[in-house]
């Protein structure tokens, strides 16, 4: 199964360690070896260097960054977490490092991730910014 053009474009736009990480992820997601991905990427780059036909956008170049969004006009939403009644039923240990163990010793409550519904152990400190280890979504809770 060949890689989709958007994945190849992203890989071609990256370099170094970032490219290696994306190639590893593509290898796992599409079941291809790194050698197969490299050959597909080389073929993609060779095709990208050929003259374009007249029906494609010539001045479009994929980039590896996102435009900055002005959030000053955004309305804040007072989101309240959904608490878990019996947090002892869940495994709330994420990070085996010494700092992770220290942070986990402060866990007094458990909530449900608002994005993917994974259980999250949290301390009672507010406001708190949570990054879900399951889906990577960030949420800030003020109460």
C-alpha atoms as a PDB file:
ATOM      1  CA  UNK A   1       0.000   0.000   0.000  1.00  0.00           C
ATOM      2  CA  UNK A   2       1.695   3.233  -1.105  1.00  0.00           C
ATOM      3  CA  UNK A   3       1.788   6.286   1.116  1.00  0.00           C
ATOM      4  CA  UNK A   4      -0.807   9.023   0.398  1.00  0.00           C
ATOM      5  CA  UNK A   5       0.503  12.155  -1.312  1.00  0.00           C
ATOM      6  CA  UNK A   6      -0.203  14.342   1.726  1.00  0.00           C
ATOM      7  CA  UNK A   7       1.990  12.109   3.919  1.00  0.00           C
ATOM      8  CA  UNK A   8       4.753  12.134   1.305  1.00  0.00           C
ATOM      9  CA  UNK A   9       4.509  15.933   1.015  1.00  0.00           C
ATOM     10  CA  UNK A  10       4.833  16.280   4.778  1.00  0.00           C
ATOM     11  CA  UNK A  11       7.828  13.933   4.867  1.00  0.00           C
ATOM     12  CA  UNK A  12       9.489  15.765   1.967  1.00  0.00           C
ATOM     13  CA  UNK A  13       9.043  19.127   3.724  1.00  0.00           C
ATOM     14  CA  UNK A  14      10.779  17.928   6.906  1.00  0.00           C
ATOM     15  CA  UNK A  15      14.426  17.171   7.577  1.00  0.00           C
ATOM     16  CA  UNK A  16      16.632  15.636  10.244  1.00  0.00           C
ATOM     17  CA  UNK A  17      15.105  14.342  13.442  1.00  0.00           C
ATOM     18  CA  UNK A  18      11.594  15.622  12.634  1.00  0.00           C
ATOM     19  CA  UNK A  19      11.616  13.681   9.365  1.00  0.00           C
ATOM     20  CA  UNK A  20      12.903  10.558  11.129  1.00  0.00           C
ATOM     21  CA  UNK A  21      10.066  10.742  13.686  1.00  0.00           C
ATOM     22  CA  UNK A  22       7.428  11.179  10.976  1.00  0.00           C
ATOM     23  CA  UNK A  23       8.902   8.317   8.942  1.00  0.00           C
ATOM     24  CA  UNK A  24       8.752   6.082  12.010  1.00  0.00           C
ATOM     25  CA  UNK A  25       5.103   7.002  12.589  1.00  0.00           C
ATOM     26  CA  UNK A  26       4.256   6.418   8.913  1.00  0.00           C
ATOM     27  CA  UNK A  27       6.046   3.058   9.066  1.00  0.00           C
ATOM     28  CA  UNK A  28       3.863   1.953  11.970  1.00  0.00           C
ATOM     29  CA  UNK A  29       0.633   3.427  10.547  1.00  0.00           C
ATOM     30  CA  UNK A  30       0.982   2.035   7.016  1.00  0.00           C
ATOM     31  CA  UNK A  31       2.961  -1.145   7.717  1.00  0.00           C
ATOM     32  CA  UNK A  32       5.914  -0.170   5.500  1.00  0.00           C
ATOM     33  CA  UNK A  33       9.624  -0.476   6.133  1.00  0.00           C
ATOM     34  CA  UNK A  34      11.774   2.629   6.374  1.00  0.00           C
ATOM     35  CA  UNK A  35      13.502   1.627   3.109  1.00  0.00           C
ATOM     36  CA  UNK A  36      10.123   1.503   1.313  1.00  0.00           C
ATOM     37  CA  UNK A  37       9.196   4.920   2.703  1.00  0.00           C
ATOM     38  CA  UNK A  38      12.550   6.379   1.641  1.00  0.00           C
ATOM     39  CA  UNK A  39      12.138   5.031  -1.904  1.00  0.00           C
ATOM     40  CA  UNK A  40       8.580   6.395  -2.136  1.00  0.00           C
ATOM     41  CA  UNK A  41       9.791   9.739  -0.827  1.00  0.00           C
ATOM     42  CA  UNK A  42      12.623   9.805  -3.405  1.00  0.00           C
ATOM     43  CA  UNK A  43      10.110   9.060  -6.189  1.00  0.00           C
ATOM     44  CA  UNK A  44       7.793  11.749  -4.848  1.00  0.00           C
ATOM     45  CA  UNK A  45      10.602  14.315  -4.789  1.00  0.00           C
ATOM     46  CA  UNK A  46      11.615  13.336  -8.353  1.00  0.00           C
ATOM     47  CA  UNK A  47       8.017  13.847  -9.525  1.00  0.00           C
ATOM     48  CA  UNK A  48       7.826  17.144  -7.643  1.00  0.00           C
ATOM     49  CA  UNK A  49      10.835  18.468  -9.585  1.00  0.00           C
ATOM     50  CA  UNK A  50       9.173  17.811 -12.945  1.00  0.00           C
ATOM     51  CA  UNK A  51       7.377  20.714 -14.652  1.00  0.00           C
ATOM     52  CA  UNK A  52       3.796  21.038 -13.424  1.00  0.00           C
ATOM     53  CA  UNK A  53       0.822  20.801 -15.752  1.00  0.00           C
ATOM     54  CA  UNK A  54      -1.214  23.970 -16.210  1.00  0.00           C
ATOM     55  CA  UNK A  55      -4.190  22.872 -14.089  1.00  0.00           C
ATOM     56  CA  UNK A  56      -2.380  22.756 -10.712  1.00  0.00           C
ATOM     57  CA  UNK A  57      -1.598  25.618  -8.364  1.00  0.00           C
ATOM     58  CA  UNK A  58       2.022  26.513  -9.042  1.00  0.00           C
ATOM     59  CA  UNK A  59       2.693  28.793  -6.082  1.00  0.00           C
ATOM     60  CA  UNK A  60       1.473  26.385  -3.372  1.00  0.00           C
ATOM     61  CA  UNK A  61       4.222  25.004  -1.151  1.00  0.00           C
ATOM     62  CA  UNK A  62       3.424  22.815   1.858  1.00  0.00           C
ATOM     63  CA  UNK A  63       5.002  24.146   5.034  1.00  0.00           C
ATOM     64  CA  UNK A  64       5.857  22.594   8.380  1.00  0.00           C
ATOM     65  CA  UNK A  65       4.366  25.348  10.552  1.00  0.00           C
ATOM     66  CA  UNK A  66       0.947  26.674  11.463  1.00  0.00           C
ATOM     67  CA  UNK A  67      -0.216  30.255  11.270  1.00  0.00           C
ATOM     68  CA  UNK A  68      -0.517  31.995  14.620  1.00  0.00           C
ATOM     69  CA  UNK A  69      -4.114  32.630  15.634  1.00  0.00           C
ATOM     70  CA  UNK A  70      -5.161  35.731  17.587  1.00  0.00           C
ATOM     71  CA  UNK A  71      -7.017  34.385  20.619  1.00  0.00           C
ATOM     72  CA  UNK A  72      -7.604  37.785  22.222  1.00  0.00           C
ATOM     73  CA  UNK A  73     -11.087  37.944  20.680  1.00  0.00           C
ATOM     74  CA  UNK A  74     -12.004  34.390  21.733  1.00  0.00           C
ATOM     75  CA  UNK A  75     -14.629  33.927  24.407  1.00  0.00           C
ATOM     76  CA  UNK A  76     -13.558  31.894  27.405  1.00  0.00           C
ATOM     77  CA  UNK A  77     -15.668  28.874  28.237  1.00  0.00           C
ATOM     78  CA  UNK A  78     -16.004  28.012  31.887  1.00  0.00           C
ATOM     79  CA  UNK A  79     -15.527  24.280  31.473  1.00  0.00           C
ATOM     80  CA  UNK A  80     -15.983  22.119  34.516  1.00  0.00           C
ATOM     81  CA  UNK A  81     -14.388  18.695  34.594  1.00  0.00           C
ATOM     82  CA  UNK A  82     -16.454  15.520  34.757  1.00  0.00           C
ATOM     83  CA  UNK A  83     -15.285  13.811  37.934  1.00  0.00           C
ATOM     84  CA  UNK A  84     -14.888  10.055  38.325  1.00  0.00           C
ATOM     85  CA  UNK A  85     -16.627   8.667  41.394  1.00  0.00           C
ATOM     86  CA  UNK A  86     -14.299   5.717  42.024  1.00  0.00           C
ATOM     87  CA  UNK A  87     -10.826   6.707  40.786  1.00  0.00           C
ATOM     88  CA  UNK A  88      -9.289   3.620  42.424  1.00  0.00           C
ATOM     89  CA  UNK A  89     -10.830   1.514  39.631  1.00  0.00           C
ATOM     90  CA  UNK A  90      -8.536   3.160  37.061  1.00  0.00           C
ATOM     91  CA  UNK A  91      -4.800   2.995  36.462  1.00  0.00           C
ATOM     92  CA  UNK A  92      -3.747   6.638  36.768  1.00  0.00           C
ATOM     93  CA  UNK A  93       0.054   6.205  36.539  1.00  0.00           C
ATOM     94  CA  UNK A  94       1.452   7.735  33.328  1.00  0.00           C
ATOM     95  CA  UNK A  95       5.069   8.778  33.786  1.00  0.00           C
ATOM     96  CA  UNK A  96       7.603   6.473  35.513  1.00  0.00           C
ATOM     97  CA  UNK A  97      10.209   9.252  35.908  1.00  0.00           C
ATOM     98  CA  UNK A  98      10.966  10.654  39.356  1.00  0.00           C
ATOM     99  CA  UNK A  99       9.164  13.925  38.519  1.00  0.00           C
ATOM    100  CA  UNK A 100       6.196  11.927  37.205  1.00  0.00           C
ATOM    101  CA  UNK A 101       6.045   9.873  40.406  1.00  0.00           C
ATOM    102  CA  UNK A 102       6.234  13.107  42.429  1.00  0.00           C
ATOM    103  CA  UNK A 103       3.361  14.617  40.419  1.00  0.00           C
ATOM    104  CA  UNK A 104       1.320  11.416  40.732  1.00  0.00           C
ATOM    105  CA  UNK A 105       1.679  11.500  44.516  1.00  0.00           C
ATOM    106  CA  UNK A 106      -0.299  14.783  44.417  1.00  0.00           C
ATOM    107  CA  UNK A 107      -3.258  13.139  42.630  1.00  0.00           C
ATOM    108  CA  UNK A 108      -6.396  13.515  44.735  1.00  0.00           C
ATOM    109  CA  UNK A 109      -9.119  13.481  42.077  1.00  0.00           C
ATOM    110  CA  UNK A 110      -9.832  11.814  38.759  1.00  0.00           C
ATOM    111  CA  UNK A 111     -11.666  13.319  35.800  1.00  0.00           C
ATOM    112  CA  UNK A 112     -12.696  12.287  32.308  1.00  0.00           C
ATOM    113  CA  UNK A 113     -10.805  13.842  29.377  1.00  0.00           C
ATOM    114  CA  UNK A 114     -13.324  16.079  27.565  1.00  0.00           C
ATOM    115  CA  UNK A 115     -11.910  15.021  24.176  1.00  0.00           C
ATOM    116  CA  UNK A 116     -11.403  11.251  24.342  1.00  0.00           C
ATOM    117  CA  UNK A 117     -13.008  10.248  27.689  1.00  0.00           C
ATOM    118  CA  UNK A 118      -9.798   8.760  29.105  1.00  0.00           C
ATOM    119  CA  UNK A 119      -9.488   8.813  32.908  1.00  0.00           C
ATOM    120  CA  UNK A 120      -7.020  11.432  34.192  1.00  0.00           C
ATOM    121  CA  UNK A 121      -5.640  11.751  37.713  1.00  0.00           C
ATOM    122  CA  UNK A 122      -5.268  15.385  38.837  1.00  0.00           C
ATOM    123  CA  UNK A 123      -4.301  17.287  41.996  1.00  0.00           C
ATOM    124  CA  UNK A 124      -6.750  19.683  43.660  1.00  0.00           C
ATOM    125  CA  UNK A 125      -4.814  22.763  42.424  1.00  0.00           C
ATOM    126  CA  UNK A 126      -6.832  25.259  40.315  1.00  0.00           C
ATOM    127  CA  UNK A 127      -6.488  26.588  37.706  1.00  0.00           C
ATOM    128  CA  UNK A 128      -4.870  23.525  36.209  1.00  0.00           C
ATOM    129  CA  UNK A 129      -3.750  22.790  32.680  1.00  0.00           C
ATOM    130  CA  UNK A 130      -4.133  19.137  31.721  1.00  0.00           C
ATOM    131  CA  UNK A 131      -2.506  17.428  28.732  1.00  0.00           C
ATOM    132  CA  UNK A 132      -4.176  14.081  28.111  1.00  0.00           C
ATOM    133  CA  UNK A 133      -1.587  11.312  27.619  1.00  0.00           C
ATOM    134  CA  UNK A 134      -4.099   9.377  25.500  1.00  0.00           C
ATOM    135  CA  UNK A 135      -5.056  11.967  22.847  1.00  0.00           C
ATOM    136  CA  UNK A 136      -2.708  14.916  23.561  1.00  0.00           C
ATOM    137  CA  UNK A 137      -5.570  17.402  24.019  1.00  0.00           C
ATOM    138  CA  UNK A 138      -4.913  20.272  26.395  1.00  0.00           C
ATOM    139  CA  UNK A 139      -7.625  21.569  28.741  1.00  0.00           C
ATOM    140  CA  UNK A 140      -7.585  24.244  31.417  1.00  0.00           C
ATOM    141  CA  UNK A 141      -9.931  23.949  34.373  1.00  0.00           C
ATOM    142  CA  UNK A 142     -10.614  26.872  36.695  1.00  0.00           C
ATOM    143  CA  UNK A 143     -12.898  25.168  39.188  1.00  0.00           C
END
